[in-house]
């Protein structure tokens, strides 16, 4: 049994380096063949040595990691966008309810709805009269539209982006 046979038997690469399947280390093996013709008895002296290539990531590993991140983003981003739109719609609905409540209080106090040229002036009038703490703004950038019935008994509130939300 020659050195090449021993090298192959031990799982080497032909240069005296052997790789263990369970650890990220290589080990060098010094072998002495005591009897090449008969018994195949081998004396070995193993010493551990780190492989030089073990540091860092390979290009394939980086591409796989980026692909996984891209798939996760492709799955989650549409869900996050829908959640953001629903949150904006819910906030707009809350603002419409506050404006309707302020209009109702105004009507109960003065027995009429505010009569202004634009919806923005009606909201300003409600704020100045103390029925609104602040001017509500649509989170999506829309404007609130206040429509008072011709007979002056009802008022509706809608948004230029989300429309009429909630119970009137």
C-alpha atoms as a PDB file:
ATOM      1  CA  UNK A   1       0.000   0.000   0.000  1.00  0.00           C
ATOM      2  CA  UNK A   2       1.677   3.174  -1.157  1.00  0.00           C
ATOM      3  CA  UNK A   3       1.305   6.769  -0.099  1.00  0.00           C
ATOM      4  CA  UNK A   4      -1.273   7.465  -2.818  1.00  0.00           C
ATOM      5  CA  UNK A   5      -3.386   4.506  -1.648  1.00  0.00           C
ATOM      6  CA  UNK A   6      -3.262   5.691   1.946  1.00  0.00           C
ATOM      7  CA  UNK A   7      -4.076   9.213   0.841  1.00  0.00           C
ATOM      8  CA  UNK A   8      -7.130   7.980  -1.081  1.00  0.00           C
ATOM      9  CA  UNK A   9      -8.182   5.677   1.757  1.00  0.00           C
ATOM     10  CA  UNK A  10      -8.146   8.533   4.266  1.00  0.00           C
ATOM     11  CA  UNK A  11     -10.136  10.872   1.992  1.00  0.00           C
ATOM     12  CA  UNK A  12      -7.309  13.179   1.052  1.00  0.00           C
ATOM     13  CA  UNK A  13      -6.716  15.419  -1.883  1.00  0.00           C
ATOM     14  CA  UNK A  14      -3.345  13.984  -2.879  1.00  0.00           C
ATOM     15  CA  UNK A  15      -1.323  16.703  -1.134  1.00  0.00           C
ATOM     16  CA  UNK A  16      -1.434  15.436   2.426  1.00  0.00           C
ATOM     17  CA  UNK A  17      -4.575  17.412   3.367  1.00  0.00           C
ATOM     18  CA  UNK A  18      -7.704  15.647   4.555  1.00  0.00           C
ATOM     19  CA  UNK A  19     -11.134  17.098   5.167  1.00  0.00           C
ATOM     20  CA  UNK A  20     -13.466  16.069   7.918  1.00  0.00           C
ATOM     21  CA  UNK A  21     -17.131  16.166   6.871  1.00  0.00           C
ATOM     22  CA  UNK A  22     -18.282  17.438  10.274  1.00  0.00           C
ATOM     23  CA  UNK A  23     -15.896  20.301  10.936  1.00  0.00           C
ATOM     24  CA  UNK A  24     -14.782  23.255   8.806  1.00  0.00           C
ATOM     25  CA  UNK A  25     -11.113  22.388   9.304  1.00  0.00           C
ATOM     26  CA  UNK A  26      -8.536  20.562   7.294  1.00  0.00           C
ATOM     27  CA  UNK A  27      -5.917  18.410   8.885  1.00  0.00           C
ATOM     28  CA  UNK A  28      -2.495  17.487   7.633  1.00  0.00           C
ATOM     29  CA  UNK A  29      -1.403  13.909   7.912  1.00  0.00           C
ATOM     30  CA  UNK A  30       2.163  12.676   8.031  1.00  0.00           C
ATOM     31  CA  UNK A  31       2.204   8.996   7.180  1.00  0.00           C
ATOM     32  CA  UNK A  32       4.908   6.414   7.300  1.00  0.00           C
ATOM     33  CA  UNK A  33       4.277   3.166   5.468  1.00  0.00           C
ATOM     34  CA  UNK A  34       5.882   0.439   7.567  1.00  0.00           C
ATOM     35  CA  UNK A  35       5.209  -2.505   5.292  1.00  0.00           C
ATOM     36  CA  UNK A  36       4.249  -1.748   1.693  1.00  0.00           C
ATOM     37  CA  UNK A  37       4.009  -5.382   0.588  1.00  0.00           C
ATOM     38  CA  UNK A  38       1.975  -7.102   3.190  1.00  0.00           C
ATOM     39  CA  UNK A  39       0.215  -5.792   6.207  1.00  0.00           C
ATOM     40  CA  UNK A  40      -0.567  -2.186   5.229  1.00  0.00           C
ATOM     41  CA  UNK A  41       0.139  -1.013   8.746  1.00  0.00           C
ATOM     42  CA  UNK A  42       0.344   2.757   8.795  1.00  0.00           C
ATOM     43  CA  UNK A  43       1.556   5.103  11.506  1.00  0.00           C
ATOM     44  CA  UNK A  44      -0.110   8.486  11.254  1.00  0.00           C
ATOM     45  CA  UNK A  45       0.395  11.806  12.972  1.00  0.00           C
ATOM     46  CA  UNK A  46      -2.557  14.166  12.504  1.00  0.00           C
ATOM     47  CA  UNK A  47      -2.374  17.887  13.196  1.00  0.00           C
ATOM     48  CA  UNK A  48      -5.237  20.326  12.622  1.00  0.00           C
ATOM     49  CA  UNK A  49      -4.939  23.310  10.364  1.00  0.00           C
ATOM     50  CA  UNK A  50      -7.599  25.837   9.309  1.00  0.00           C
ATOM     51  CA  UNK A  51      -8.465  26.041   5.650  1.00  0.00           C
ATOM     52  CA  UNK A  52      -7.477  29.349   4.092  1.00  0.00           C
ATOM     53  CA  UNK A  53     -10.720  29.672   2.036  1.00  0.00           C
ATOM     54  CA  UNK A  54     -13.062  29.449   4.996  1.00  0.00           C
ATOM     55  CA  UNK A  55     -13.430  33.202   5.598  1.00  0.00           C
ATOM     56  CA  UNK A  56     -16.216  35.263   3.939  1.00  0.00           C
ATOM     57  CA  UNK A  57     -19.142  34.322   1.733  1.00  0.00           C
ATOM     58  CA  UNK A  58     -19.090  32.908  -1.746  1.00  0.00           C
ATOM     59  CA  UNK A  59     -20.858  34.629  -4.611  1.00  0.00           C
ATOM     60  CA  UNK A  60     -23.487  31.892  -4.742  1.00  0.00           C
ATOM     61  CA  UNK A  61     -24.263  32.317  -1.039  1.00  0.00           C
ATOM     62  CA  UNK A  62     -24.681  36.073  -1.486  1.00  0.00           C
ATOM     63  CA  UNK A  63     -26.971  35.633  -4.518  1.00  0.00           C
ATOM     64  CA  UNK A  64     -29.118  33.107  -2.645  1.00  0.00           C
ATOM     65  CA  UNK A  65     -29.398  35.438   0.370  1.00  0.00           C
ATOM     66  CA  UNK A  66     -30.408  38.374  -1.868  1.00  0.00           C
ATOM     67  CA  UNK A  67     -32.943  36.194  -3.682  1.00  0.00           C
ATOM     68  CA  UNK A  68     -34.522  35.132  -0.381  1.00  0.00           C
ATOM     69  CA  UNK A  69     -34.694  38.753   0.792  1.00  0.00           C
ATOM     70  CA  UNK A  70     -36.299  39.805  -2.513  1.00  0.00           C
ATOM     71  CA  UNK A  71     -38.944  37.070  -2.257  1.00  0.00           C
ATOM     72  CA  UNK A  72     -39.792  38.063   1.320  1.00  0.00           C
ATOM     73  CA  UNK A  73     -40.112  41.716   0.284  1.00  0.00           C
ATOM     74  CA  UNK A  74     -42.275  40.808  -2.711  1.00  0.00           C
ATOM     75  CA  UNK A  75     -44.626  38.923  -0.414  1.00  0.00           C
ATOM     76  CA  UNK A  76     -44.864  41.503   2.380  1.00  0.00           C
ATOM     77  CA  UNK A  77     -44.871  44.877   0.583  1.00  0.00           C
ATOM     78  CA  UNK A  78     -48.333  44.581  -0.990  1.00  0.00           C
ATOM     79  CA  UNK A  79     -49.765  43.613   2.399  1.00  0.00           C
ATOM     80  CA  UNK A  80     -48.115  46.625   4.035  1.00  0.00           C
ATOM     81  CA  UNK A  81     -49.475  48.955   1.351  1.00  0.00           C
ATOM     82  CA  UNK A  82     -53.020  47.644   1.838  1.00  0.00           C
ATOM     83  CA  UNK A  83     -52.674  48.086   5.600  1.00  0.00           C
ATOM     84  CA  UNK A  84     -51.528  51.689   5.084  1.00  0.00           C
ATOM     85  CA  UNK A  85     -54.489  52.440   2.820  1.00  0.00           C
ATOM     86  CA  UNK A  86     -56.920  50.954   5.330  1.00  0.00           C
ATOM     87  CA  UNK A  87     -55.368  53.004   8.127  1.00  0.00           C
ATOM     88  CA  UNK A  88     -55.730  56.202   6.095  1.00  0.00           C
ATOM     89  CA  UNK A  89     -59.363  55.338   5.318  1.00  0.00           C
ATOM     90  CA  UNK A  90     -60.087  54.655   8.989  1.00  0.00           C
ATOM     91  CA  UNK A  91     -58.519  57.969  10.027  1.00  0.00           C
ATOM     92  CA  UNK A  92     -60.537  59.787   7.358  1.00  0.00           C
ATOM     93  CA  UNK A  93     -63.723  58.117   8.626  1.00  0.00           C
ATOM     94  CA  UNK A  94     -62.895  59.267  12.152  1.00  0.00           C
ATOM     95  CA  UNK A  95     -62.376  62.835  10.934  1.00  0.00           C
ATOM     96  CA  UNK A  96     -65.725  62.756   9.107  1.00  0.00           C
ATOM     97  CA  UNK A  97     -67.465  61.618  12.294  1.00  0.00           C
ATOM     98  CA  UNK A  98     -65.847  64.457  14.259  1.00  0.00           C
ATOM     99  CA  UNK A  99     -67.002  67.011  11.670  1.00  0.00           C
ATOM    100  CA  UNK A 100     -70.543  65.540  11.669  1.00  0.00           C
ATOM    101  CA  UNK A 101     -70.628  65.682  15.485  1.00  0.00           C
ATOM    102  CA  UNK A 102     -69.452  69.319  15.406  1.00  0.00           C
ATOM    103  CA  UNK A 103     -72.134  70.150  12.824  1.00  0.00           C
ATOM    104  CA  UNK A 104     -74.794  68.512  15.006  1.00  0.00           C
ATOM    105  CA  UNK A 105     -73.648  70.474  18.073  1.00  0.00           C
ATOM    106  CA  UNK A 106     -73.652  73.675  16.025  1.00  0.00           C
ATOM    107  CA  UNK A 107     -77.201  72.924  14.832  1.00  0.00           C
ATOM    108  CA  UNK A 108     -78.395  72.168  18.372  1.00  0.00           C
ATOM    109  CA  UNK A 109     -76.827  75.383  19.687  1.00  0.00           C
ATOM    110  CA  UNK A 110     -77.821  77.830  16.920  1.00  0.00           C
ATOM    111  CA  UNK A 111     -80.812  75.952  15.385  1.00  0.00           C
ATOM    112  CA  UNK A 112     -79.178  76.114  11.962  1.00  0.00           C
ATOM    113  CA  UNK A 113     -76.132  74.780  10.185  1.00  0.00           C
ATOM    114  CA  UNK A 114     -73.274  77.152   9.380  1.00  0.00           C
ATOM    115  CA  UNK A 115     -73.834  78.873   6.056  1.00  0.00           C
ATOM    116  CA  UNK A 116     -70.518  79.578   4.379  1.00  0.00           C
ATOM    117  CA  UNK A 117     -69.408  79.654   0.743  1.00  0.00           C
ATOM    118  CA  UNK A 118     -67.012  76.683   0.966  1.00  0.00           C
ATOM    119  CA  UNK A 119     -66.559  73.592   3.103  1.00  0.00           C
ATOM    120  CA  UNK A 120     -63.187  74.897   4.316  1.00  0.00           C
ATOM    121  CA  UNK A 121     -64.914  78.030   5.657  1.00  0.00           C
ATOM    122  CA  UNK A 122     -67.568  75.879   7.377  1.00  0.00           C
ATOM    123  CA  UNK A 123     -64.813  73.890   9.122  1.00  0.00           C
ATOM    124  CA  UNK A 124     -63.063  77.139  10.092  1.00  0.00           C
ATOM    125  CA  UNK A 125     -66.374  78.478  11.467  1.00  0.00           C
ATOM    126  CA  UNK A 126     -66.846  75.273  13.519  1.00  0.00           C
ATOM    127  CA  UNK A 127     -63.318  75.634  14.895  1.00  0.00           C
ATOM    128  CA  UNK A 128     -63.734  79.309  15.743  1.00  0.00           C
ATOM    129  CA  UNK A 129     -67.041  78.589  17.494  1.00  0.00           C
ATOM    130  CA  UNK A 130     -65.271  75.990  19.684  1.00  0.00           C
ATOM    131  CA  UNK A 131     -66.931  72.875  18.235  1.00  0.00           C
ATOM    132  CA  UNK A 132     -63.634  71.575  16.788  1.00  0.00           C
ATOM    133  CA  UNK A 133     -60.311  71.552  18.639  1.00  0.00           C
ATOM    134  CA  UNK A 134     -58.288  71.557  15.412  1.00  0.00           C
ATOM    135  CA  UNK A 135     -58.826  71.498  11.682  1.00  0.00           C
ATOM    136  CA  UNK A 136     -59.100  67.865  10.558  1.00  0.00           C
ATOM    137  CA  UNK A 137     -56.991  66.896   7.546  1.00  0.00           C
ATOM    138  CA  UNK A 138     -57.464  63.827   5.381  1.00  0.00           C
ATOM    139  CA  UNK A 139     -54.352  61.594   5.700  1.00  0.00           C
ATOM    140  CA  UNK A 140     -54.419  60.974   1.938  1.00  0.00           C
ATOM    141  CA  UNK A 141     -54.434  64.682   1.098  1.00  0.00           C
ATOM    142  CA  UNK A 142     -58.138  64.973   0.243  1.00  0.00           C
ATOM    143  CA  UNK A 143     -60.526  67.769   1.155  1.00  0.00           C
ATOM    144  CA  UNK A 144     -63.649  67.387   3.253  1.00  0.00           C
ATOM    145  CA  UNK A 145     -66.857  68.352   1.474  1.00  0.00           C
ATOM    146  CA  UNK A 146     -69.811  69.459   3.594  1.00  0.00           C
ATOM    147  CA  UNK A 147     -73.197  69.410   1.895  1.00  0.00           C
ATOM    148  CA  UNK A 148     -76.167  70.979   3.652  1.00  0.00           C
ATOM    149  CA  UNK A 149     -79.628  69.990   2.427  1.00  0.00           C
ATOM    150  CA  UNK A 150     -81.664  72.802   0.768  1.00  0.00           C
ATOM    151  CA  UNK A 151     -84.229  72.726   3.568  1.00  0.00           C
ATOM    152  CA  UNK A 152     -81.371  73.078   6.115  1.00  0.00           C
ATOM    153  CA  UNK A 153     -82.306  70.056   8.190  1.00  0.00           C
ATOM    154  CA  UNK A 154     -79.444  67.674   7.384  1.00  0.00           C
ATOM    155  CA  UNK A 155     -75.773  67.895   6.549  1.00  0.00           C
ATOM    156  CA  UNK A 156     -73.477  65.262   5.023  1.00  0.00           C
ATOM    157  CA  UNK A 157     -69.706  65.065   5.124  1.00  0.00           C
ATOM    158  CA  UNK A 158     -67.584  63.329   2.497  1.00  0.00           C
ATOM    159  CA  UNK A 159     -63.955  63.275   1.387  1.00  0.00           C
ATOM    160  CA  UNK A 160     -62.650  64.034  -2.091  1.00  0.00           C
ATOM    161  CA  UNK A 161     -60.401  60.928  -1.910  1.00  0.00           C
ATOM    162  CA  UNK A 162     -62.333  58.367   0.180  1.00  0.00           C
ATOM    163  CA  UNK A 163     -65.905  59.495  -0.385  1.00  0.00           C
ATOM    164  CA  UNK A 164     -68.596  59.366   2.266  1.00  0.00           C
ATOM    165  CA  UNK A 165     -67.588  57.019   5.095  1.00  0.00           C
ATOM    166  CA  UNK A 166     -69.458  55.869   8.178  1.00  0.00           C
ATOM    167  CA  UNK A 167     -73.057  56.431   9.083  1.00  0.00           C
ATOM    168  CA  UNK A 168     -74.483  59.850   8.271  1.00  0.00           C
END
